Amino acid sequence: MKRIRFIRGWKDLDAVDRGASVAMGSFDGVHLGHQQVIALAADAARDLGAPLGVITFDPHPRVYFRPDEPAFHLMQPDQQARALERLGVDMLYVLPLDAGLAGMSDREFASEVLNEGLGARHVSVGFDNSFGKGRTGTPDTMAAYGREMGFGVSVAAPFGDETGDKFSSTAVRNALRDGKPEVAAEILGRPFAIEGPVQRGRQLGRKLGFPTANVALADYVTPRFGVYATRTRLSDGRELAGVANIGINPTVHGVTAPLLEVWLFDFDEDIYDRIIETDLIAFLRPEEKFDSLEIMTEQVMADARAARGLLGA
C-alpha cells in the first residue's frame, strides 16, 4: 500500500502538490458516509487522470470554534491517515484553521484556497457541507463557484442504514457513549479503536494475575465506562484478543483520568511506551466498584471468560 503524502497549508505549493481531485470535510472517523464523499472524488480523479486528495483542517473546526466542549475525536491523525490510505488517497491537505482561514468568506475560500492555492480540478463535498465565514457556503454555492472558476463539483447524497438513519460522526459518538460499539462499527465500517503509547502504572494487575496495558484516552470521545471484549494490534502487526476496562477503576484509588486498561490474553512481553491500537468489539458490563481486590479479581476472570467466548480466543 502506497504511503499518503501530507501537505500542510495551501500557499506556494509545488506543482506536484497541486491539481488533485479533492474531497473536503473534517472526516473524523472516516465512516461510511465520509467514504461516499471520497469515492466521488476518486471517480473524478480517474476520469481526469489526477491524483486523489483529501482536505481536512487542524484543529478540527469544532475544537477551534467550541474549545471548551468535552473531547470528541474518533481517531488520531495517524489512524486517519491509514484509513485514507486504504481508500487510495494520494495526498492529505491539512489546512491550519486560524483566524485568517476562519475569516474567509465562502467565495474567498473557493477562490484563494481551492482554485489558486490547491489548483483543485474537482471538489467533492457532502450534502450538508458548509464552508466560509458564518458557514454561508453550501454545496450549491460550491457548484456555482466551480462553474465560474473551472473546477468540477460533486455532492454526496445522504447515506445511512436501512431505517433511514444518516451515518455521521455524531451517531458514532452517541453509540460509543451508550456502550454500543457494534453500532459504531456498523457506521464506521470497522471497529472503533483507541491508539496510544502504553503507560507505566503500578502493575497491580500483574500482581493479581491479569497484567494490563494502560493507554490514556487523550482527546478521544469517552465511551461508556465499563468492560469490553477487545482486539489489540501491536506495533509489529500482531493482533491479540483481550478484555479491557475503560474508566477510572473506582476499586483502586488514585486514578483520576479515564484509562483504557486492556489485558492481552496469552501474552507476557514488555510493551511499555510502545504504540498499540485496541478495537472495542463488545460491551460486557458497566464499570463497578468492588468491596475488595479479591472480589474484583473474580469478576475480571469471569469477564475474561466471556470475552474469550465472544472472540473465539
Protein backbone atom coordinates (compact mmCIF):
# COMPACT_ATOMS: atom_id res chain seq x y z
CA MET A 1 0.00 0.00 0.00
CA LYS A 2 1.46 3.34 -1.03
CA ARG A 3 2.04 5.98 1.61
CA ILE A 4 -0.15 9.05 1.73
CA ARG A 5 1.61 12.39 1.34
CA PHE A 6 0.93 15.08 3.96
CA ILE A 7 0.72 18.64 2.67
CA ARG A 8 0.27 21.29 5.33
CA GLY A 9 -1.25 24.51 4.11
CA TRP A 10 -2.33 25.79 0.72
CA LYS A 11 0.08 28.59 -0.15
CA ASP A 12 3.06 28.39 -2.51
CA LEU A 13 2.71 24.68 -3.19
CA ASP A 14 4.94 22.85 -5.62
CA ALA A 15 3.34 21.89 -8.92
CA VAL A 16 3.37 18.20 -7.94
CA ASP A 17 1.17 19.03 -4.93
CA ARG A 18 -1.48 20.85 -6.95
CA GLY A 19 -4.16 19.77 -9.41
CA ALA A 20 -5.81 16.98 -7.45
CA SER A 21 -9.40 15.86 -7.30
CA VAL A 22 -10.21 16.53 -3.66
CA ALA A 23 -12.80 15.52 -1.08
CA MET A 24 -13.41 18.21 1.54
CA GLY A 25 -14.53 17.74 5.12
CA SER A 26 -13.40 17.04 8.67
CA PHE A 27 -13.56 13.25 8.17
CA ASP A 28 -13.31 12.38 11.87
CA GLY A 29 -13.78 8.63 11.85
CA VAL A 30 -13.65 8.24 8.04
CA HIS A 31 -17.01 6.47 8.37
CA LEU A 32 -19.10 5.02 5.55
CA GLY A 33 -20.74 8.38 4.84
CA HIS A 34 -17.33 10.04 4.53
CA GLN A 35 -16.27 7.24 2.23
CA GLN A 36 -19.08 8.15 -0.18
CA VAL A 37 -17.67 11.69 -0.47
CA ILE A 38 -14.16 10.34 -1.05
CA ALA A 39 -15.45 7.84 -3.63
CA LEU A 40 -16.90 10.68 -5.71
CA ALA A 41 -13.53 12.44 -5.68
CA ALA A 42 -11.87 9.15 -6.62
CA ASP A 43 -14.21 8.72 -9.60
CA ALA A 44 -13.34 12.21 -10.81
CA ALA A 45 -9.62 11.59 -10.24
CA ARG A 46 -9.75 8.55 -12.52
CA ASP A 47 -11.67 10.43 -15.20
CA LEU A 48 -9.26 13.38 -15.07
CA GLY A 49 -6.08 11.40 -14.63
CA ALA A 50 -5.47 13.42 -11.47
CA PRO A 51 -4.22 12.42 -8.03
CA LEU A 52 -6.78 11.86 -5.28
CA GLY A 53 -6.63 14.27 -2.36
CA VAL A 54 -8.50 14.90 0.86
CA ILE A 55 -8.81 18.32 2.52
CA THR A 56 -9.16 18.48 6.27
CA PHE A 57 -8.49 21.05 8.98
CA ASP A 58 -6.25 21.37 12.03
CA PRO A 59 -7.56 21.90 14.56
CA HIS A 60 -10.93 20.32 13.89
CA PRO A 61 -13.46 23.17 13.38
CA ARG A 62 -15.37 22.06 16.45
CA VAL A 63 -12.22 22.44 18.57
CA TYR A 64 -11.49 25.84 17.06
CA PHE A 65 -14.97 27.31 17.44
CA ARG A 66 -16.05 25.46 20.62
CA PRO A 67 -12.83 24.80 22.55
CA ASP A 68 -14.50 24.23 25.91
CA GLU A 69 -16.56 21.22 24.83
CA PRO A 70 -15.60 17.72 26.03
CA ALA A 71 -13.20 15.60 23.99
CA PHE A 72 -14.92 14.06 20.99
CA HIS A 73 -12.38 12.73 18.47
CA LEU A 74 -12.90 9.30 16.91
CA MET A 75 -9.34 8.87 15.70
CA GLN A 76 -5.81 10.18 15.95
CA PRO A 77 -4.06 11.68 12.89
CA ASP A 78 -2.09 8.50 12.20
CA GLN A 79 -5.28 6.44 12.28
CA GLN A 80 -6.96 8.86 9.91
CA ALA A 81 -4.01 8.68 7.52
CA ARG A 82 -4.11 4.87 7.48
CA ALA A 83 -7.85 4.85 6.86
CA LEU A 84 -7.42 7.27 3.95
CA GLU A 85 -4.51 5.26 2.55
CA ARG A 86 -6.74 2.18 2.42
CA LEU A 87 -9.15 4.21 0.27
CA GLY A 88 -6.40 5.04 -2.21
CA VAL A 89 -5.90 8.68 -1.20
CA ASP A 90 -2.64 10.10 -2.52
CA MET A 91 -2.47 13.43 -0.68
CA LEU A 92 -3.84 14.72 2.60
CA TYR A 93 -4.09 18.50 2.66
CA VAL A 94 -4.13 19.67 6.27
CA LEU A 95 -5.27 23.30 6.33
CA PRO A 96 -4.27 25.20 9.51
CA LEU A 97 -7.50 26.62 10.87
CA ASP A 98 -6.62 30.05 12.20
CA ALA A 99 -8.21 33.48 12.27
CA GLY A 100 -7.24 34.12 8.67
CA LEU A 101 -8.79 30.97 7.26
CA ALA A 102 -11.81 31.17 9.59
CA GLY A 103 -12.45 34.74 8.48
CA MET A 104 -12.59 33.97 4.76
CA SER A 105 -15.93 34.30 3.00
CA ASP A 106 -17.11 31.25 1.09
CA ARG A 107 -16.10 32.93 -2.18
CA GLU A 108 -12.63 33.77 -0.84
CA PHE A 109 -12.18 30.18 0.30
CA ALA A 110 -13.19 28.78 -3.09
CA SER A 111 -11.03 31.27 -4.97
CA GLU A 112 -7.92 31.60 -2.81
CA VAL A 113 -7.67 28.13 -1.26
CA LEU A 114 -9.30 25.69 -3.67
CA ASN A 115 -8.66 27.37 -7.00
CA GLU A 116 -5.50 29.43 -6.66
CA GLY A 117 -3.82 27.60 -3.77
CA LEU A 118 -4.54 23.93 -4.38
CA GLY A 119 -5.37 24.22 -8.07
CA ALA A 120 -8.15 21.71 -7.44
CA ARG A 121 -9.52 20.16 -10.60
CA HIS A 122 -12.55 18.68 -8.85
CA VAL A 123 -14.10 19.10 -5.38
CA SER A 124 -16.50 16.65 -3.75
CA VAL A 125 -18.48 17.52 -0.63
CA GLY A 126 -21.21 16.00 1.48
CA PHE A 127 -24.82 17.07 1.08
CA ASP A 128 -24.63 19.00 4.37
CA ASN A 129 -21.20 20.56 3.90
CA SER A 130 -20.74 24.21 4.81
CA PHE A 131 -17.70 26.44 4.38
CA GLY A 132 -16.60 30.04 4.71
CA LYS A 133 -17.14 32.56 7.50
CA GLY A 134 -20.51 32.03 9.14
CA ARG A 135 -20.86 28.71 7.29
CA THR A 136 -22.51 30.55 4.42
CA GLY A 137 -21.10 28.27 1.73
CA THR A 138 -23.28 25.32 0.67
CA PRO A 139 -22.98 22.54 -1.91
CA ASP A 140 -25.00 24.72 -4.30
CA THR A 141 -22.66 27.68 -3.92
CA MET A 142 -19.67 25.35 -4.28
CA ALA A 143 -21.11 24.11 -7.57
CA ALA A 144 -21.59 27.72 -8.74
CA TYR A 145 -18.00 28.60 -7.84
CA GLY A 146 -16.80 25.52 -9.66
CA ARG A 147 -18.56 26.56 -12.85
CA GLU A 148 -17.14 30.06 -12.52
CA MET A 149 -13.58 29.07 -11.61
CA GLY A 150 -13.20 25.96 -13.71
CA PHE A 151 -13.26 23.01 -11.30
CA GLY A 152 -15.80 20.21 -11.20
CA VAL A 153 -18.04 19.65 -8.18
CA SER A 154 -19.87 16.56 -6.97
CA VAL A 155 -22.14 16.26 -3.95
CA ALA A 156 -22.63 13.04 -1.97
CA ALA A 157 -26.22 12.20 -1.11
CA PRO A 158 -27.24 11.26 2.45
CA PHE A 159 -26.08 7.74 3.25
CA GLY A 160 -27.31 5.59 6.11
CA ASP A 161 -28.82 2.33 7.24
CA GLU A 162 -31.99 0.58 6.13
CA THR A 163 -34.06 2.56 8.64
CA GLY A 164 -33.01 5.84 7.04
CA ASP A 165 -30.75 7.00 9.87
CA LYS A 166 -27.88 9.00 8.38
CA PHE A 167 -24.36 7.81 9.05
CA SER A 168 -22.46 10.55 10.88
CA SER A 169 -19.61 11.09 13.31
CA THR A 170 -22.20 12.24 15.86
CA ALA A 171 -24.03 8.92 15.56
CA VAL A 172 -20.75 7.07 16.18
CA ARG A 173 -20.05 9.14 19.28
CA ASN A 174 -23.56 8.57 20.61
CA ALA A 175 -23.25 4.82 20.08
CA LEU A 176 -19.95 4.73 21.98
CA ARG A 177 -21.32 6.81 24.84
CA ASP A 178 -24.26 4.39 25.02
CA GLY A 179 -21.95 1.37 25.23
CA LYS A 180 -22.85 0.08 21.76
CA PRO A 181 -19.52 -0.46 19.97
CA GLU A 182 -21.17 -2.77 17.45
CA VAL A 183 -23.41 0.10 16.28
CA ALA A 184 -20.38 2.36 15.99
CA ALA A 185 -18.65 -0.32 13.92
CA GLU A 186 -21.60 -0.54 11.53
CA ILE A 187 -21.30 3.19 10.81
CA LEU A 188 -17.51 3.23 10.65
CA GLY A 189 -17.20 0.09 8.56
CA ARG A 190 -14.70 -1.24 11.15
CA PRO A 191 -14.47 -1.31 14.95
CA PHE A 192 -13.77 1.90 16.85
CA ALA A 193 -10.17 1.78 18.05
CA ILE A 194 -8.15 3.61 20.69
CA GLU A 195 -4.46 4.10 19.88
CA GLY A 196 -1.68 5.36 22.09
CA PRO A 197 1.53 4.54 23.99
CA VAL A 198 1.39 2.04 26.83
CA GLN A 199 1.83 3.88 30.12
CA ARG A 200 3.79 2.69 33.12
CA GLY A 201 1.47 2.10 36.06
CA ARG A 202 1.58 0.46 39.46
CA GLN A 203 1.49 -3.05 37.93
CA LEU A 204 -1.32 -4.03 40.29
CA GLY A 205 -2.99 -6.14 37.60
CA ARG A 206 0.17 -8.17 37.12
CA LYS A 207 0.29 -8.91 40.85
CA LEU A 208 -3.36 -10.01 40.73
CA GLY A 209 -2.88 -12.26 37.71
CA PHE A 210 -4.14 -10.08 34.88
CA PRO A 211 -1.41 -7.70 33.62
CA THR A 212 -2.88 -4.76 31.74
CA ALA A 213 -1.55 -2.37 29.14
CA ASN A 214 -2.80 1.10 30.04
CA VAL A 215 -3.49 3.77 27.41
CA ALA A 216 -4.78 7.29 28.07
CA LEU A 217 -7.97 8.30 26.25
CA ALA A 218 -6.40 11.69 25.46
CA ASP A 219 -8.80 13.63 23.21
CA TYR A 220 -10.89 10.64 22.16
CA VAL A 221 -14.60 10.66 22.77
CA THR A 222 -15.15 8.87 26.09
CA PRO A 223 -17.02 5.59 25.57
CA ARG A 224 -19.36 4.30 28.25
CA PHE A 225 -17.33 3.32 31.30
CA GLY A 226 -17.21 -0.44 31.58
CA VAL A 227 -15.69 -3.68 30.40
CA TYR A 228 -15.24 -4.61 26.74
CA ALA A 229 -14.14 -7.59 24.67
CA THR A 230 -11.27 -6.27 22.56
CA ARG A 231 -8.72 -6.97 19.86
CA THR A 232 -5.38 -5.18 20.05
CA ARG A 233 -2.73 -4.65 17.37
CA LEU A 234 0.86 -4.36 18.49
CA SER A 235 3.44 -2.22 16.71
CA ASP A 236 4.82 -5.32 14.98
CA GLY A 237 1.43 -6.18 13.47
CA ARG A 238 0.41 -8.99 15.81
CA GLU A 239 -3.25 -8.96 16.86
CA LEU A 240 -4.31 -10.22 20.27
CA ALA A 241 -7.68 -10.87 21.86
CA GLY A 242 -8.29 -9.34 25.24
CA VAL A 243 -10.61 -7.78 27.76
CA ALA A 244 -10.46 -4.13 28.78
CA ASN A 245 -11.84 -1.72 31.31
CA ILE A 246 -12.50 1.86 30.29
CA GLY A 247 -12.97 4.25 33.16
CA ILE A 248 -11.35 5.35 36.40
CA ASN A 249 -11.24 1.95 38.17
CA PRO A 250 -13.10 3.05 41.33
CA THR A 251 -11.96 0.00 43.31
CA VAL A 252 -8.36 1.24 43.14
CA HIS A 253 -7.86 4.78 44.41
CA GLY A 254 -5.62 7.25 42.63
CA VAL A 255 -6.94 7.05 39.06
CA THR A 256 -8.24 10.47 38.06
CA ALA A 257 -8.33 10.50 34.24
CA PRO A 258 -10.16 7.80 32.27
CA LEU A 259 -7.93 5.00 31.01
CA LEU A 260 -8.14 2.04 28.70
CA GLU A 261 -6.73 -0.89 30.69
CA VAL A 262 -6.51 -3.93 28.44
CA TRP A 263 -5.49 -7.46 29.44
CA LEU A 264 -3.97 -9.12 26.38
CA PHE A 265 -4.67 -12.85 26.55
CA ASP A 266 -1.78 -15.32 26.45
CA PHE A 267 0.78 -12.54 26.21
CA ASP A 268 3.65 -11.60 28.52
CA GLU A 269 6.09 -9.14 26.95
CA ASP A 270 7.32 -5.67 27.88
CA ILE A 271 5.49 -3.17 25.65
CA TYR A 272 5.79 -0.06 27.83
CA ASP A 273 5.95 3.14 25.76
CA ARG A 274 5.07 1.28 22.56
CA ILE A 275 2.05 2.25 20.48
CA ILE A 276 -0.88 -0.17 20.49
CA GLU A 277 -4.32 0.10 18.88
CA THR A 278 -7.29 -1.55 20.58
CA ASP A 279 -10.63 -2.29 18.89
CA LEU A 280 -13.74 -2.24 21.07
CA ILE A 281 -15.72 -5.30 19.96
CA ALA A 282 -18.48 -5.78 22.53
CA PHE A 283 -19.63 -4.17 25.78
CA LEU A 284 -19.76 -6.72 28.61
CA ARG A 285 -20.82 -4.76 31.71
CA PRO A 286 -20.67 -1.32 33.34
CA GLU A 287 -17.68 -0.33 35.47
CA GLU A 288 -18.17 -1.28 39.13
CA LYS A 289 -16.63 -0.55 42.50
CA PHE A 290 -15.90 -3.78 44.38
CA ASP A 291 -15.64 -4.31 48.12
CA SER A 292 -12.22 -5.97 47.82
CA LEU A 293 -9.48 -6.75 45.33
CA GLU A 294 -10.35 -10.44 45.65
CA ILE A 295 -13.93 -9.86 44.50
CA MET A 296 -12.68 -7.63 41.69
CA THR A 297 -10.25 -10.33 40.56
CA GLU A 298 -13.03 -12.94 40.47
CA GLN A 299 -15.13 -10.67 38.29
CA VAL A 300 -12.21 -9.89 35.96
CA MET A 301 -11.66 -13.61 35.44
CA ALA A 302 -15.36 -14.02 34.62
CA ASP A 303 -15.10 -11.10 32.20
CA ALA A 304 -12.10 -12.74 30.55
CA ARG A 305 -14.04 -15.98 30.04
CA ALA A 306 -16.92 -14.05 28.50
CA ALA A 307 -14.56 -12.12 26.21
CA ARG A 308 -12.76 -15.27 25.10
CA GLY A 309 -16.10 -16.83 24.25
CA LEU A 310 -17.17 -13.84 22.16
CA LEU A 311 -13.85 -13.54 20.39
CA GLY A 312 -13.23 -17.25 19.86
CA ALA A 313 -9.96 -16.90 21.76
